[in-house]
PDB file of all heavy atoms in Angstrom:
ATOM      1  N   LEU A   1     -38.060  55.927 -26.682  1.00  0.00           N
ATOM      2  CA  LEU A   1     -37.486  56.067 -28.016  1.00  0.00           C
ATOM      3  C   LEU A   1     -36.030  56.502 -27.986  1.00  0.00           C
ATOM      4  O   LEU A   1     -35.249  56.169 -28.889  1.00  0.00           O
ATOM      5  CB  LEU A   1     -38.301  57.077 -28.830  1.00  0.00           C
ATOM      6  CG  LEU A   1     -39.592  56.564 -29.445  1.00  0.00           C
ATOM      7  CD1 LEU A   1     -40.355  57.699 -30.096  1.00  0.00           C
ATOM      8  CD2 LEU A   1     -39.307  55.465 -30.449  1.00  0.00           C
ATOM      9  N   ASP A   2     -35.655  57.244 -26.952  1.00  0.00           N
ATOM     10  CA  ASP A   2     -34.278  57.737 -26.866  1.00  0.00           C
ATOM     11  C   ASP A   2     -33.268  56.599 -26.821  1.00  0.00           C
ATOM     12  O   ASP A   2     -32.113  56.771 -27.228  1.00  0.00           O
ATOM     13  CB  ASP A   2     -34.104  58.624 -25.631  1.00  0.00           C
ATOM     14  CG  ASP A   2     -34.898  59.916 -25.729  1.00  0.00           C
ATOM     15  OD1 ASP A   2     -35.210  60.323 -26.867  1.00  0.00           O
ATOM     16  OD2 ASP A   2     -35.205  60.501 -24.677  1.00  0.00           O
ATOM     17  N   ASP A   3     -33.690  55.466 -26.296  1.00  0.00           N
ATOM     18  CA  ASP A   3     -32.748  54.362 -26.099  1.00  0.00           C
ATOM     19  C   ASP A   3     -32.908  53.238 -27.117  1.00  0.00           C
ATOM     20  O   ASP A   3     -32.204  52.229 -27.030  1.00  0.00           O
ATOM     21  CB  ASP A   3     -32.910  53.789 -24.684  1.00  0.00           C
ATOM     22  CG  ASP A   3     -32.513  54.785 -23.607  1.00  0.00           C
ATOM     23  OD1 ASP A   3     -31.503  55.490 -23.810  1.00  0.00           O
ATOM     24  OD2 ASP A   3     -33.216  54.880 -22.590  1.00  0.00           O
ATOM     25  N   VAL A   4     -33.823  53.394 -28.073  1.00  0.00           N
ATOM     26  CA  VAL A   4     -34.000  52.356 -29.092  1.00  0.00           C
ATOM     27  C   VAL A   4     -33.060  52.643 -30.260  1.00  0.00           C
ATOM     28  O   VAL A   4     -33.134  53.695 -30.890  1.00  0.00           O
ATOM     29  CB  VAL A   4     -35.453  52.295 -29.586  1.00  0.00           C
ATOM     30  CG1 VAL A   4     -35.573  51.305 -30.750  1.00  0.00           C
ATOM     31  CG2 VAL A   4     -36.376  51.879 -28.446  1.00  0.00           C
ATOM     32  N   GLU A   5     -32.186  51.708 -30.540  1.00  0.00           N
ATOM     33  CA  GLU A   5     -31.244  51.847 -31.645  1.00  0.00           C
ATOM     34  C   GLU A   5     -31.823  51.313 -32.949  1.00  0.00           C
ATOM     35  O   GLU A   5     -31.583  51.871 -34.021  1.00  0.00           O
ATOM     36  CB  GLU A   5     -29.952  51.085 -31.316  1.00  0.00           C
ATOM     37  CG  GLU A   5     -28.950  51.008 -32.460  1.00  0.00           C
ATOM     38  CD  GLU A   5     -28.400  52.363 -32.891  1.00  0.00           C
ATOM     39  OE1 GLU A   5     -28.483  53.323 -32.087  1.00  0.00           O
ATOM     40  OE2 GLU A   5     -27.916  52.460 -34.026  1.00  0.00           O
ATOM     41  N   GLN A   6     -32.621  50.239 -32.868  1.00  0.00           N
ATOM     42  CA  GLN A   6     -33.075  49.590 -34.083  1.00  0.00           C
ATOM     43  C   GLN A   6     -34.206  48.613 -33.768  1.00  0.00           C
ATOM     44  O   GLN A   6     -34.261  48.039 -32.679  1.00  0.00           O
ATOM     45  CB  GLN A   6     -31.888  48.817 -34.692  1.00  0.00           C
ATOM     46  CG  GLN A   6     -32.078  48.300 -36.080  1.00  0.00           C
ATOM     47  CD  GLN A   6     -30.819  47.595 -36.584  1.00  0.00           C
ATOM     48  OE1 GLN A   6     -30.845  46.386 -36.834  1.00  0.00           O
ATOM     49  NE2 GLN A   6     -29.730  48.330 -36.710  1.00  0.00           N
ATOM     50  N   PHE A   7     -35.100  48.455 -34.738  1.00  0.00           N
ATOM     51  CA  PHE A   7     -36.110  47.398 -34.674  1.00  0.00           C
ATOM     52  C   PHE A   7     -35.728  46.319 -35.689  1.00  0.00           C
ATOM     53  O   PHE A   7     -35.367  46.622 -36.826  1.00  0.00           O
ATOM     54  CB  PHE A   7     -37.504  47.933 -35.028  1.00  0.00           C
ATOM     55  CG  PHE A   7     -38.071  48.882 -34.010  1.00  0.00           C
ATOM     56  CD1 PHE A   7     -38.183  50.236 -34.279  1.00  0.00           C
ATOM     57  CD2 PHE A   7     -38.518  48.412 -32.784  1.00  0.00           C
ATOM     58  CE1 PHE A   7     -38.716  51.113 -33.342  1.00  0.00           C
ATOM     59  CE2 PHE A   7     -39.054  49.277 -31.843  1.00  0.00           C
ATOM     60  CZ  PHE A   7     -39.153  50.628 -32.122  1.00  0.00           C
ATOM     61  N   ARG A   8     -35.843  45.059 -35.284  1.00  0.00           N
ATOM     62  CA  ARG A   8     -35.544  43.942 -36.175  1.00  0.00           C
ATOM     63  C   ARG A   8     -36.680  42.932 -36.092  1.00  0.00           C
ATOM     64  O   ARG A   8     -37.404  42.882 -35.086  1.00  0.00           O
ATOM     65  CB  ARG A   8     -34.209  43.280 -35.819  1.00  0.00           C
ATOM     66  CG  ARG A   8     -33.031  44.238 -35.817  1.00  0.00           C
ATOM     67  CD  ARG A   8     -31.724  43.541 -35.474  1.00  0.00           C
ATOM     68  NE  ARG A   8     -31.251  42.695 -36.565  1.00  0.00           N
ATOM     69  CZ  ARG A   8     -30.508  43.126 -37.573  1.00  0.00           C
ATOM     70  NH1 ARG A   8     -30.150  44.398 -37.648  1.00  0.00           N
ATOM     71  NH2 ARG A   8     -30.117  42.294 -38.519  1.00  0.00           N
ATOM     72  N   LEU A   9     -36.842  42.158 -37.136  1.00  0.00           N
ATOM     73  CA  LEU A   9     -37.887  41.141 -37.163  1.00  0.00           C
ATOM     74  C   LEU A   9     -37.235  39.771 -37.295  1.00  0.00           C
ATOM     75  O   LEU A   9     -36.415  39.541 -38.184  1.00  0.00           O
ATOM     76  CB  LEU A   9     -38.843  41.377 -38.335  1.00  0.00           C
ATOM     77  CG  LEU A   9     -40.125  40.541 -38.270  1.00  0.00           C
ATOM     78  CD1 LEU A   9     -41.051  41.109 -37.202  1.00  0.00           C
ATOM     79  CD2 LEU A   9     -40.824  40.514 -39.614  1.00  0.00           C
ATOM     80  N   LEU A  10     -37.606  38.861 -36.419  1.00  0.00           N
ATOM     81  CA  LEU A  10     -37.069  37.506 -36.419  1.00  0.00           C
ATOM     82  C   LEU A  10     -38.165  36.522 -36.805  1.00  0.00           C
ATOM     83  O   LEU A  10     -39.247  36.528 -36.203  1.00  0.00           O
ATOM     84  CB  LEU A  10     -36.526  37.151 -35.028  1.00  0.00           C
ATOM     85  CG  LEU A  10     -35.943  35.754 -34.865  1.00  0.00           C
ATOM     86  CD1 LEU A  10     -34.670  35.607 -35.699  1.00  0.00           C
ATOM     87  CD2 LEU A  10     -35.644  35.480 -33.385  1.00  0.00           C
ATOM     88  N   VAL A  11     -37.911  35.705 -37.825  1.00  0.00           N
ATOM     89  CA  VAL A  11     -38.846  34.652 -38.205  1.00  0.00           C
ATOM     90  C   VAL A  11     -38.518  33.427 -37.353  1.00  0.00           C
ATOM     91  O   VAL A  11     -37.474  32.801 -37.524  1.00  0.00           O
ATOM     92  CB  VAL A  11     -38.742  34.319 -39.702  1.00  0.00           C
ATOM     93  CG1 VAL A  11     -39.683  33.174 -40.062  1.00  0.00           C
ATOM     94  CG2 VAL A  11     -39.068  35.555 -40.541  1.00  0.00           C
ATOM     95  N   VAL A  12     -39.418  33.095 -36.428  1.00  0.00           N
ATOM     96  CA  VAL A  12     -39.199  31.998 -35.492  1.00  0.00           C
ATOM     97  C   VAL A  12     -39.538  30.656 -36.135  1.00  0.00           C
ATOM     98  O   VAL A  12     -38.821  29.671 -35.987  1.00  0.00           O
ATOM     99  CB  VAL A  12     -40.030  32.211 -34.217  1.00  0.00           C
ATOM    100  CG1 VAL A  12     -39.813  31.079 -33.224  1.00  0.00           C
ATOM    101  CG2 VAL A  12     -39.684  33.558 -33.577  1.00  0.00           C
ATOM    102  N   GLN A  13     -40.649  30.627 -36.882  1.00  0.00           N
ATOM    103  CA  GLN A  13     -41.062  29.418 -37.605  1.00  0.00           C
ATOM    104  C   GLN A  13     -41.534  29.800 -38.991  1.00  0.00           C
ATOM    105  O   GLN A  13     -42.191  30.826 -39.180  1.00  0.00           O
ATOM    106  CB  GLN A  13     -42.184  28.693 -36.859  1.00  0.00           C
ATOM    107  CG  GLN A  13     -41.759  28.087 -35.532  1.00  0.00           C
ATOM    108  CD  GLN A  13     -42.895  27.298 -34.885  1.00  0.00           C
ATOM    109  OE1 GLN A  13     -43.873  26.953 -35.531  1.00  0.00           O
ATOM    110  NE2 GLN A  13     -42.759  27.026 -33.604  1.00  0.00           N
ATOM    111  N   GLY A  14     -41.211  28.957 -39.984  1.00  0.00           N
ATOM    112  CA  GLY A  14     -41.565  29.249 -41.357  1.00  0.00           C
ATOM    113  C   GLY A  14     -40.444  29.986 -42.060  1.00  0.00           C
ATOM    114  O   GLY A  14     -39.286  29.963 -41.632  1.00  0.00           O
ATOM    115  N   THR A  15     -40.783  30.658 -43.142  1.00  0.00           N
ATOM    116  CA  THR A  15     -39.812  31.419 -43.909  1.00  0.00           C
ATOM    117  C   THR A  15     -40.217  32.886 -43.933  1.00  0.00           C
ATOM    118  O   THR A  15     -41.310  33.250 -43.493  1.00  0.00           O
ATOM    119  CB  THR A  15     -39.729  30.900 -45.363  1.00  0.00           C
ATOM    120  OG1 THR A  15     -40.989  31.148 -46.022  1.00  0.00           O
ATOM    121  CG2 THR A  15     -39.438  29.405 -45.389  1.00  0.00           C
ATOM    122  N   ARG A  16     -39.359  33.724 -44.471  1.00  0.00           N
ATOM    123  CA  ARG A  16     -39.662  35.153 -44.521  1.00  0.00           C
ATOM    124  C   ARG A  16     -40.860  35.445 -45.423  1.00  0.00           C
ATOM    125  O   ARG A  16     -41.608  36.380 -45.163  1.00  0.00           O
ATOM    126  CB  ARG A  16     -38.429  35.927 -44.990  1.00  0.00           C
ATOM    127  CG  ARG A  16     -37.299  35.890 -43.968  1.00  0.00           C
ATOM    128  CD  ARG A  16     -36.055  36.608 -44.451  1.00  0.00           C
ATOM    129  NE  ARG A  16     -35.013  36.577 -43.431  1.00  0.00           N
ATOM    130  CZ  ARG A  16     -33.822  37.135 -43.558  1.00  0.00           C
ATOM    131  NH1 ARG A  16     -33.521  37.782 -44.674  1.00  0.00           N
ATOM    132  NH2 ARG A  16     -32.926  37.053 -42.578  1.00  0.00           N
ATOM    133  N   LEU A  17     -41.026  34.665 -46.473  1.00  0.00           N
ATOM    134  CA  LEU A  17     -42.162  34.865 -47.358  1.00  0.00           C
ATOM    135  C   LEU A  17     -43.409  34.153 -46.873  1.00  0.00           C
ATOM    136  O   LEU A  17     -44.529  34.572 -47.173  1.00  0.00           O
ATOM    137  CB  LEU A  17     -41.809  34.397 -48.773  1.00  0.00           C
ATOM    138  CG  LEU A  17     -40.862  35.307 -49.563  1.00  0.00           C
ATOM    139  CD1 LEU A  17     -40.523  34.683 -50.906  1.00  0.00           C
ATOM    140  CD2 LEU A  17     -41.460  36.692 -49.752  1.00  0.00           C
ATOM    141  N   GLN A  18     -43.227  33.069 -46.113  1.00  0.00           N
ATOM    142  CA  GLN A  18     -44.360  32.312 -45.574  1.00  0.00           C
ATOM    143  C   GLN A  18     -44.117  32.033 -44.085  1.00  0.00           C
ATOM    144  O   GLN A  18     -43.892  30.889 -43.676  1.00  0.00           O
ATOM    145  CB  GLN A  18     -44.536  31.004 -46.355  1.00  0.00           C
ATOM    146  CG  GLN A  18     -44.923  31.231 -47.804  1.00  0.00           C
ATOM    147  CD  GLN A  18     -45.085  29.935 -48.575  1.00  0.00           C
ATOM    148  OE1 GLN A  18     -44.271  29.017 -48.472  1.00  0.00           O
ATOM    149  NE2 GLN A  18     -46.169  29.837 -49.339  1.00  0.00           N
ATOM    150  N   PRO A  19     -44.183  33.078 -43.267  1.00  0.00           N
ATOM    151  CA  PRO A  19     -43.895  32.912 -41.842  1.00  0.00           C
ATOM    152  C   PRO A  19     -45.076  32.327 -41.069  1.00  0.00           C
ATOM    153  O   PRO A  19     -46.233  32.646 -41.358  1.00  0.00           O
ATOM    154  CB  PRO A  19     -43.609  34.339 -41.381  1.00  0.00           C
ATOM    155  CG  PRO A  19     -44.463  35.180 -42.285  1.00  0.00           C
ATOM    156  CD  PRO A  19     -44.470  34.471 -43.619  1.00  0.00           C
ATOM    157  N   ASP A  20     -44.785  31.464 -40.109  1.00  0.00           N
ATOM    158  CA  ASP A  20     -45.807  30.953 -39.193  1.00  0.00           C
ATOM    159  C   ASP A  20     -45.762  31.717 -37.874  1.00  0.00           C
ATOM    160  O   ASP A  20     -46.802  31.996 -37.276  1.00  0.00           O
ATOM    161  CB  ASP A  20     -45.593  29.458 -38.938  1.00  0.00           C
ATOM    162  CG  ASP A  20     -45.762  28.641 -40.210  1.00  0.00           C
ATOM    163  OD1 ASP A  20     -46.718  28.903 -40.956  1.00  0.00           O
ATOM    164  OD2 ASP A  20     -44.927  27.751 -40.461  1.00  0.00           O
ATOM    165  N   GLU A  21     -44.544  32.052 -37.435  1.00  0.00           N
ATOM    166  CA  GLU A  21     -44.378  32.793 -36.182  1.00  0.00           C
ATOM    167  C   GLU A  21     -43.202  33.751 -36.329  1.00  0.00           C
ATOM    168  O   GLU A  21     -42.149  33.391 -36.854  1.00  0.00           O
ATOM    169  CB  GLU A  21     -44.120  31.858 -35.008  1.00  0.00           C
ATOM    170  CG  GLU A  21     -43.965  32.594 -33.681  1.00  0.00           C
ATOM    171  CD  GLU A  21     -43.729  31.667 -32.496  1.00  0.00           C
ATOM    172  OE1 GLU A  21     -43.838  30.432 -32.678  1.00  0.00           O
ATOM    173  OE2 GLU A  21     -43.430  32.179 -31.394  1.00  0.00           O
ATOM    174  N   VAL A  22     -43.425  34.985 -35.873  1.00  0.00           N
ATOM    175  CA  VAL A  22     -42.374  36.001 -35.924  1.00  0.00           C
ATOM    176  C   VAL A  22     -42.269  36.686 -34.573  1.00  0.00           C
ATOM    177  O   VAL A  22     -43.164  36.562 -33.720  1.00  0.00           O
ATOM    178  CB  VAL A  22     -42.654  37.056 -37.017  1.00  0.00           C
ATOM    179  CG1 VAL A  22     -42.708  36.420 -38.393  1.00  0.00           C
ATOM    180  CG2 VAL A  22     -43.946  37.820 -36.722  1.00  0.00           C
ATOM    181  N   ALA A  23     -41.181  37.391 -34.359  1.00  0.00           N
ATOM    182  CA  ALA A  23     -40.990  38.149 -33.120  1.00  0.00           C
ATOM    183  C   ALA A  23     -40.334  39.481 -33.441  1.00  0.00           C
ATOM    184  O   ALA A  23     -39.466  39.561 -34.323  1.00  0.00           O
ATOM    185  CB  ALA A  23     -40.121  37.359 -32.136  1.00  0.00           C
ATOM    186  N   LEU A  24     -40.774  40.532 -32.779  1.00  0.00           N
ATOM    187  CA  LEU A  24     -40.144  41.839 -32.905  1.00  0.00           C
ATOM    188  C   LEU A  24     -38.975  41.910 -31.932  1.00  0.00           C
ATOM    189  O   LEU A  24     -39.135  41.649 -30.735  1.00  0.00           O
ATOM    190  CB  LEU A  24     -41.147  42.954 -32.595  1.00  0.00           C
ATOM    191  CG  LEU A  24     -40.581  44.376 -32.667  1.00  0.00           C
ATOM    192  CD1 LEU A  24     -40.242  44.756 -34.103  1.00  0.00           C
ATOM    193  CD2 LEU A  24     -41.568  45.379 -32.062  1.00  0.00           C
ATOM    194  N   VAL A  25     -37.801  42.240 -32.456  1.00  0.00           N
ATOM    195  CA  VAL A  25     -36.614  42.399 -31.621  1.00  0.00           C
ATOM    196  C   VAL A  25     -36.320  43.894 -31.510  1.00  0.00           C
ATOM    197  O   VAL A  25     -36.143  44.580 -32.523  1.00  0.00           O
ATOM    198  CB  VAL A  25     -35.398  41.667 -32.217  1.00  0.00           C
ATOM    199  CG1 VAL A  25     -34.184  41.815 -31.306  1.00  0.00           C
ATOM    200  CG2 VAL A  25     -35.720  40.191 -32.448  1.00  0.00           C
ATOM    201  N   VAL A  26     -36.307  44.400 -30.292  1.00  0.00           N
ATOM    202  CA  VAL A  26     -36.051  45.813 -30.045  1.00  0.00           C
ATOM    203  C   VAL A  26     -34.628  45.942 -29.503  1.00  0.00           C
ATOM    204  O   VAL A  26     -34.333  45.514 -28.393  1.00  0.00           O
ATOM    205  CB  VAL A  26     -37.057  46.404 -29.034  1.00  0.00           C
ATOM    206  CG1 VAL A  26     -36.812  47.909 -28.861  1.00  0.00           C
ATOM    207  CG2 VAL A  26     -38.482  46.132 -29.487  1.00  0.00           C
ATOM    208  N   VAL A  27     -33.739  46.492 -30.318  1.00  0.00           N
ATOM    209  CA  VAL A  27     -32.338  46.651 -29.933  1.00  0.00           C
ATOM    210  C   VAL A  27     -32.176  48.009 -29.263  1.00  0.00           C
ATOM    211  O   VAL A  27     -32.477  49.050 -29.860  1.00  0.00           O
ATOM    212  CB  VAL A  27     -31.406  46.545 -31.151  1.00  0.00           C
ATOM    213  CG1 VAL A  27     -29.945  46.608 -30.713  1.00  0.00           C
ATOM    214  CG2 VAL A  27     -31.674  45.247 -31.911  1.00  0.00           C
ATOM    215  N   THR A  28     -31.714  48.011 -28.024  1.00  0.00           N
ATOM    216  CA  THR A  28     -31.620  49.248 -27.239  1.00  0.00           C
ATOM    217  C   THR A  28     -30.176  49.525 -26.832  1.00  0.00           C
ATOM    218  O   THR A  28     -29.339  48.623 -26.762  1.00  0.00           O
ATOM    219  CB  THR A  28     -32.497  49.167 -25.985  1.00  0.00           C
ATOM    220  OG1 THR A  28     -32.061  48.075 -25.165  1.00  0.00           O
ATOM    221  CG2 THR A  28     -33.957  48.955 -26.369  1.00  0.00           C
ATOM    222  N   LEU A  29     -29.913  50.790 -26.544  1.00  0.00           N
ATOM    223  CA  LEU A  29     -28.578  51.185 -26.111  1.00  0.00           C
ATOM    224  C   LEU A  29     -28.314  50.757 -24.678  1.00  0.00           C
ATOM    225  O   LEU A  29     -27.178  50.439 -24.310  1.00  0.00           O
ATOM    226  CB  LEU A  29     -28.418  52.700 -26.246  1.00  0.00           C
ATOM    227  CG  LEU A  29     -28.600  53.261 -27.661  1.00  0.00           C
ATOM    228  CD1 LEU A  29     -28.562  54.779 -27.649  1.00  0.00           C
ATOM    229  CD2 LEU A  29     -27.537  52.704 -28.600  1.00  0.00           C
ATOM    230  N   VAL A  30     -29.376  50.780 -23.867  1.00  0.00           N
ATOM    231  CA  VAL A  30     -29.291  50.346 -22.464  1.00  0.00           C
ATOM    232  C   VAL A  30     -30.498  49.464 -22.174  1.00  0.00           C
ATOM    233  O   VAL A  30     -31.455  49.412 -22.953  1.00  0.00           O
ATOM    234  CB  VAL A  30     -29.274  51.547 -21.499  1.00  0.00           C
ATOM    235  CG1 VAL A  30     -28.043  52.419 -21.726  1.00  0.00           C
ATOM    236  CG2 VAL A  30     -30.545  52.383 -21.648  1.00  0.00           C
ATOM    237  N   LYS A  31     -30.476  48.778 -21.092  1.00  0.00           N
ATOM    238  CA  LYS A  31     -31.593  47.924 -20.719  1.00  0.00           C
ATOM    239  C   LYS A  31     -32.788  48.780 -20.293  1.00  0.00           C
ATOM    240  O   LYS A  31     -32.669  49.653 -19.427  1.00  0.00           O
ATOM    241  CB  LYS A  31     -31.188  46.997 -19.570  1.00  0.00           C
ATOM    242  CG  LYS A  31     -32.222  45.925 -19.258  1.00  0.00           C
ATOM    243  CD  LYS A  31     -31.694  44.948 -18.226  1.00  0.00           C
ATOM    244  CE  LYS A  31     -32.710  43.849 -17.946  1.00  0.00           C
ATOM    245  NZ  LYS A  31     -32.197  42.857 -16.974  1.00  0.00           N
ATOM    246  N   LEU A  32     -33.956  48.546 -20.908  1.00  0.00           N
ATOM    247  CA  LEU A  32     -35.159  49.313 -20.587  1.00  0.00           C
ATOM    248  C   LEU A  32     -35.873  48.720 -19.381  1.00  0.00           C
ATOM    249  O   LEU A  32     -36.003  47.495 -19.259  1.00  0.00           O
ATOM    250  CB  LEU A  32     -36.130  49.317 -21.780  1.00  0.00           C
ATOM    251  CG  LEU A  32     -35.660  49.966 -23.091  1.00  0.00           C
ATOM    252  CD1 LEU A  32     -36.781  49.923 -24.111  1.00  0.00           C
ATOM    253  CD2 LEU A  32     -35.205  51.387 -22.868  1.00  0.00           C
ATOM    254  N   ASP A  33     -36.364  49.588 -18.501  1.00  0.00           N
ATOM    255  CA  ASP A  33     -37.143  49.076 -17.376  1.00  0.00           C
ATOM    256  C   ASP A  33     -38.568  48.762 -17.857  1.00  0.00           C
ATOM    257  O   ASP A  33     -38.951  49.078 -18.977  1.00  0.00           O
ATOM    258  CB  ASP A  33     -37.143  50.061 -16.205  1.00  0.00           C
ATOM    259  CG  ASP A  33     -37.755  51.416 -16.562  1.00  0.00           C
ATOM    260  OD1 ASP A  33     -38.673  51.447 -17.400  1.00  0.00           O
ATOM    261  OD2 ASP A  33     -37.308  52.433 -16.008  1.00  0.00           O
ATOM    262  N   GLU A  34     -39.348  48.150 -17.012  1.00  0.00           N
ATOM    263  CA  GLU A  34     -40.676  47.672 -17.403  1.00  0.00           C
ATOM    264  C   GLU A  34     -41.592  48.808 -17.844  1.00  0.00           C
ATOM    265  O   GLU A  34     -42.403  48.651 -18.757  1.00  0.00           O
ATOM    266  CB  GLU A  34     -41.307  46.896 -16.252  1.00  0.00           C
ATOM    267  CG  GLU A  34     -40.685  45.522 -16.035  1.00  0.00           C
ATOM    268  CD  GLU A  34     -40.759  44.660 -17.279  1.00  0.00           C
ATOM    269  OE1 GLU A  34     -41.821  44.636 -17.936  1.00  0.00           O
ATOM    270  OE2 GLU A  34     -39.753  44.017 -17.620  1.00  0.00           O
ATOM    271  N   ALA A  35     -41.487  49.952 -17.196  1.00  0.00           N
ATOM    272  CA  ALA A  35     -42.353  51.079 -17.547  1.00  0.00           C
ATOM    273  C   ALA A  35     -42.098  51.553 -18.980  1.00  0.00           C
ATOM    274  O   ALA A  35     -43.030  51.899 -19.714  1.00  0.00           O
ATOM    275  CB  ALA A  35     -42.139  52.236 -16.570  1.00  0.00           C
ATOM    276  N   LEU A  36     -40.823  51.534 -19.397  1.00  0.00           N
ATOM    277  CA  LEU A  36     -40.487  51.974 -20.747  1.00  0.00           C
ATOM    278  C   LEU A  36     -40.830  50.913 -21.793  1.00  0.00           C
ATOM    279  O   LEU A  36     -41.012  51.224 -22.963  1.00  0.00           O
ATOM    280  CB  LEU A  36     -39.001  52.328 -20.821  1.00  0.00           C
ATOM    281  CG  LEU A  36     -38.568  53.567 -20.015  1.00  0.00           C
ATOM    282  CD1 LEU A  36     -37.067  53.784 -20.123  1.00  0.00           C
ATOM    283  CD2 LEU A  36     -39.317  54.812 -20.485  1.00  0.00           C
ATOM    284  N   ARG A  37     -40.934  49.672 -21.366  1.00  0.00           N
ATOM    285  CA  ARG A  37     -41.284  48.602 -22.295  1.00  0.00           C
ATOM    286  C   ARG A  37     -42.800  48.530 -22.551  1.00  0.00           C
ATOM    287  O   ARG A  37     -43.238  47.955 -23.544  1.00  0.00           O
ATOM    288  CB  ARG A  37     -40.818  47.253 -21.755  1.00  0.00           C
ATOM    289  CG  ARG A  37     -39.305  47.135 -21.620  1.00  0.00           C
ATOM    290  CD  ARG A  37     -38.918  45.736 -21.150  1.00  0.00           C
ATOM    291  NE  ARG A  37     -37.479  45.623 -20.952  1.00  0.00           N
ATOM    292  CZ  ARG A  37     -36.826  44.487 -20.779  1.00  0.00           C
ATOM    293  NH1 ARG A  37     -37.508  43.336 -20.775  1.00  0.00           N
ATOM    294  NH2 ARG A  37     -35.517  44.461 -20.614  1.00  0.00           N
ATOM    295  N   ALA A  38     -43.579  49.126 -21.668  1.00  0.00           N
ATOM    296  CA  ALA A  38     -45.032  48.992 -21.707  1.00  0.00           C
ATOM    297  C   ALA A  38     -45.659  49.419 -23.044  1.00  0.00           C
ATOM    298  O   ALA A  38     -46.534  48.711 -23.577  1.00  0.00           O
ATOM    299  CB  ALA A  38     -45.665  49.752 -20.546  1.00  0.00           C
ATOM    300  N   PRO A  39     -45.271  50.580 -23.636  1.00  0.00           N
ATOM    301  CA  PRO A  39     -45.910  50.975 -24.902  1.00  0.00           C
ATOM    302  C   PRO A  39     -45.715  49.946 -26.010  1.00  0.00           C
ATOM    303  O   PRO A  39     -46.638  49.689 -26.792  1.00  0.00           O
ATOM    304  CB  PRO A  39     -45.220  52.309 -25.243  1.00  0.00           C
ATOM    305  CG  PRO A  39     -44.742  52.836 -23.925  1.00  0.00           C
ATOM    306  CD  PRO A  39     -44.349  51.627 -23.132  1.00  0.00           C
ATOM    307  N   LEU A  40     -44.554  49.335 -26.064  1.00  0.00           N
ATOM    308  CA  LEU A  40     -44.296  48.339 -27.104  1.00  0.00           C
ATOM    309  C   LEU A  40     -45.045  47.045 -26.831  1.00  0.00           C
ATOM    310  O   LEU A  40     -45.522  46.383 -27.763  1.00  0.00           O
ATOM    311  CB  LEU A  40     -42.788  48.070 -27.210  1.00  0.00           C
ATOM    312  CG  LEU A  40     -42.016  49.114 -28.033  1.00  0.00           C
ATOM    313  CD1 LEU A  40     -40.523  49.000 -27.787  1.00  0.00           C
ATOM    314  CD2 LEU A  40     -42.318  48.936 -29.512  1.00  0.00           C
ATOM    315  N   ARG A  41     -45.171  46.683 -25.583  1.00  0.00           N
ATOM    316  CA  ARG A  41     -45.936  45.475 -25.250  1.00  0.00           C
ATOM    317  C   ARG A  41     -47.410  45.673 -25.606  1.00  0.00           C
ATOM    318  O   ARG A  41     -48.069  44.766 -26.112  1.00  0.00           O
ATOM    319  CB  ARG A  41     -45.784  45.154 -23.764  1.00  0.00           C
ATOM    320  CG  ARG A  41     -44.381  44.714 -23.346  1.00  0.00           C
ATOM    321  CD  ARG A  41     -44.440  44.093 -21.963  1.00  0.00           C
ATOM    322  NE  ARG A  41     -43.133  43.895 -21.371  1.00  0.00           N
ATOM    323  CZ  ARG A  41     -42.310  42.890 -21.670  1.00  0.00           C
ATOM    324  NH1 ARG A  41     -42.652  42.013 -22.596  1.00  0.00           N
ATOM    325  NH2 ARG A  41     -41.140  42.777 -21.065  1.00  0.00           N
ATOM    326  N   GLN A  42     -47.951  46.865 -25.355  1.00  0.00           N
ATOM    327  CA  GLN A  42     -49.339  47.152 -25.677  1.00  0.00           C
ATOM    328  C   GLN A  42     -49.547  47.145 -27.190  1.00  0.00           C
ATOM    329  O   GLN A  42     -50.543  46.628 -27.699  1.00  0.00           O
ATOM    330  CB  GLN A  42     -49.745  48.507 -25.082  1.00  0.00           C
ATOM    331  CG  GLN A  42     -51.205  48.869 -25.292  1.00  0.00           C
ATOM    332  CD  GLN A  42     -52.155  47.860 -24.655  1.00  0.00           C
ATOM    333  OE1 GLN A  42     -51.890  47.295 -23.594  1.00  0.00           O
ATOM    334  NE2 GLN A  42     -53.293  47.626 -25.315  1.00  0.00           N
TER     335      GLN A  42
END
């Protein structure tokens, strides 16, 4: 959490009101290693 600046949501397919596919974008201050990414992946 110390390195997360912002969470954003990207609509990959469809629209914001009728989305087919979305992705969570995690904007960080530095590049997170795999161990720190694990809670969000789970």
